[in-house]
């Protein structure tokens, strides 16, 4: 399933751009954006408004990336199982 593959990539902690992810998954960026929105609604992702060491402390690009270049940033949230 495509959402499961996207979750696997997101769980890895790898930093990926939308174009890179869409190519890897073989889907359009528009479909990828809908998939990310679905994952947010399901509680797997939290959107971030900005970037930098406080927003993304483990990101290798935290000191150099620009919110203007990446207008939508997401944080993966491991779901709580009961």
C-alpha atoms as a PDB file:
ATOM      1  CA  UNK A   1       0.000   0.000   0.000  1.00  0.00           C
ATOM      2  CA  UNK A   2       1.292   3.451  -0.923  1.00  0.00           C
ATOM      3  CA  UNK A   3       0.537   5.050   2.482  1.00  0.00           C
ATOM      4  CA  UNK A   4       2.455   2.261   4.228  1.00  0.00           C
ATOM      5  CA  UNK A   5       5.494   2.878   2.010  1.00  0.00           C
ATOM      6  CA  UNK A   6       5.281   6.616   2.720  1.00  0.00           C
ATOM      7  CA  UNK A   7       5.070   5.900   6.474  1.00  0.00           C
ATOM      8  CA  UNK A   8       8.118   3.626   6.220  1.00  0.00           C
ATOM      9  CA  UNK A   9      10.107   6.437   4.612  1.00  0.00           C
ATOM     10  CA  UNK A  10       8.898   8.979   7.163  1.00  0.00           C
ATOM     11  CA  UNK A  11       9.688   6.661  10.088  1.00  0.00           C
ATOM     12  CA  UNK A  12      13.277   6.350   8.875  1.00  0.00           C
ATOM     13  CA  UNK A  13      13.855  10.013   9.738  1.00  0.00           C
ATOM     14  CA  UNK A  14      15.257  10.657   6.292  1.00  0.00           C
ATOM     15  CA  UNK A  15      14.943  14.246   5.061  1.00  0.00           C
ATOM     16  CA  UNK A  16      13.091  14.275   1.732  1.00  0.00           C
ATOM     17  CA  UNK A  17      11.631  16.954  -0.478  1.00  0.00           C
ATOM     18  CA  UNK A  18       8.170  16.599  -1.979  1.00  0.00           C
ATOM     19  CA  UNK A  19       9.601  16.110  -5.500  1.00  0.00           C
ATOM     20  CA  UNK A  20      11.973  13.399  -4.227  1.00  0.00           C
ATOM     21  CA  UNK A  21       9.210  11.600  -2.358  1.00  0.00           C
ATOM     22  CA  UNK A  22       6.817  11.764  -5.290  1.00  0.00           C
ATOM     23  CA  UNK A  23       9.482  10.261  -7.585  1.00  0.00           C
ATOM     24  CA  UNK A  24      10.309   7.493  -5.112  1.00  0.00           C
ATOM     25  CA  UNK A  25       6.656   6.590  -4.693  1.00  0.00           C
ATOM     26  CA  UNK A  26       5.808   7.021  -8.374  1.00  0.00           C
ATOM     27  CA  UNK A  27       2.982   9.484  -7.692  1.00  0.00           C
ATOM     28  CA  UNK A  28       2.335  13.124  -8.557  1.00  0.00           C
ATOM     29  CA  UNK A  29       3.178  15.839  -6.052  1.00  0.00           C
ATOM     30  CA  UNK A  30      -0.550  16.628  -5.845  1.00  0.00           C
ATOM     31  CA  UNK A  31      -1.332  13.040  -4.831  1.00  0.00           C
ATOM     32  CA  UNK A  32       1.566  13.065  -2.363  1.00  0.00           C
ATOM     33  CA  UNK A  33       0.195  16.272  -0.794  1.00  0.00           C
ATOM     34  CA  UNK A  34      -3.184  14.540  -0.349  1.00  0.00           C
ATOM     35  CA  UNK A  35      -1.463  11.510   1.182  1.00  0.00           C
ATOM     36  CA  UNK A  36       0.384  13.746   3.650  1.00  0.00           C
ATOM     37  CA  UNK A  37      -2.905  15.460   4.534  1.00  0.00           C
ATOM     38  CA  UNK A  38      -4.506  12.059   5.094  1.00  0.00           C
ATOM     39  CA  UNK A  39      -1.651  11.026   7.383  1.00  0.00           C
ATOM     40  CA  UNK A  40      -2.054  14.281   9.303  1.00  0.00           C
ATOM     41  CA  UNK A  41      -5.777  13.630   9.779  1.00  0.00           C
ATOM     42  CA  UNK A  42      -4.954  10.091  10.984  1.00  0.00           C
ATOM     43  CA  UNK A  43      -2.540  11.530  13.572  1.00  0.00           C
ATOM     44  CA  UNK A  44       0.749  10.343  12.029  1.00  0.00           C
ATOM     45  CA  UNK A  45       2.047  13.785  11.051  1.00  0.00           C
ATOM     46  CA  UNK A  46       2.186  17.191  12.649  1.00  0.00           C
ATOM     47  CA  UNK A  47       2.745  20.185  10.358  1.00  0.00           C
ATOM     48  CA  UNK A  48       5.526  22.577  11.358  1.00  0.00           C
ATOM     49  CA  UNK A  49       5.442  26.279  10.571  1.00  0.00           C
ATOM     50  CA  UNK A  50       9.154  26.922  10.577  1.00  0.00           C
ATOM     51  CA  UNK A  51      12.490  25.269  10.319  1.00  0.00           C
ATOM     52  CA  UNK A  52      15.688  25.353  12.261  1.00  0.00           C
ATOM     53  CA  UNK A  53      17.321  23.612  15.196  1.00  0.00           C
ATOM     54  CA  UNK A  54      14.277  24.010  17.461  1.00  0.00           C
ATOM     55  CA  UNK A  55      11.750  22.728  14.915  1.00  0.00           C
ATOM     56  CA  UNK A  56      13.937  19.921  13.561  1.00  0.00           C
ATOM     57  CA  UNK A  57      16.749  19.188  16.036  1.00  0.00           C
ATOM     58  CA  UNK A  58      17.817  15.924  14.352  1.00  0.00           C
ATOM     59  CA  UNK A  59      17.601  17.160  10.754  1.00  0.00           C
ATOM     60  CA  UNK A  60      20.917  17.369   8.938  1.00  0.00           C
ATOM     61  CA  UNK A  61      19.636  20.478   7.112  1.00  0.00           C
ATOM     62  CA  UNK A  62      18.305  22.316  10.196  1.00  0.00           C
ATOM     63  CA  UNK A  63      20.839  25.126   9.993  1.00  0.00           C
ATOM     64  CA  UNK A  64      20.669  25.657   6.264  1.00  0.00           C
ATOM     65  CA  UNK A  65      17.163  25.005   4.992  1.00  0.00           C
ATOM     66  CA  UNK A  66      14.672  27.744   4.275  1.00  0.00           C
ATOM     67  CA  UNK A  67      10.929  27.699   4.992  1.00  0.00           C
ATOM     68  CA  UNK A  68      10.496  29.557   1.699  1.00  0.00           C
ATOM     69  CA  UNK A  69      12.125  26.635  -0.144  1.00  0.00           C
ATOM     70  CA  UNK A  70      10.085  24.091   1.843  1.00  0.00           C
ATOM     71  CA  UNK A  71       6.756  25.726   2.623  1.00  0.00           C
ATOM     72  CA  UNK A  72       5.327  22.613   4.228  1.00  0.00           C
ATOM     73  CA  UNK A  73       7.322  20.792   6.882  1.00  0.00           C
ATOM     74  CA  UNK A  74       6.051  17.749   8.744  1.00  0.00           C
ATOM     75  CA  UNK A  75       7.042  15.927  11.909  1.00  0.00           C
ATOM     76  CA  UNK A  76       6.330  12.194  12.143  1.00  0.00           C
ATOM     77  CA  UNK A  77       4.496  11.120  15.288  1.00  0.00           C
ATOM     78  CA  UNK A  78       4.666   7.490  16.337  1.00  0.00           C
ATOM     79  CA  UNK A  79       1.066   6.525  17.093  1.00  0.00           C
ATOM     80  CA  UNK A  80       0.188   5.297  20.577  1.00  0.00           C
ATOM     81  CA  UNK A  81      -1.220   1.796  20.608  1.00  0.00           C
ATOM     82  CA  UNK A  82      -3.608   0.700  23.317  1.00  0.00           C
END
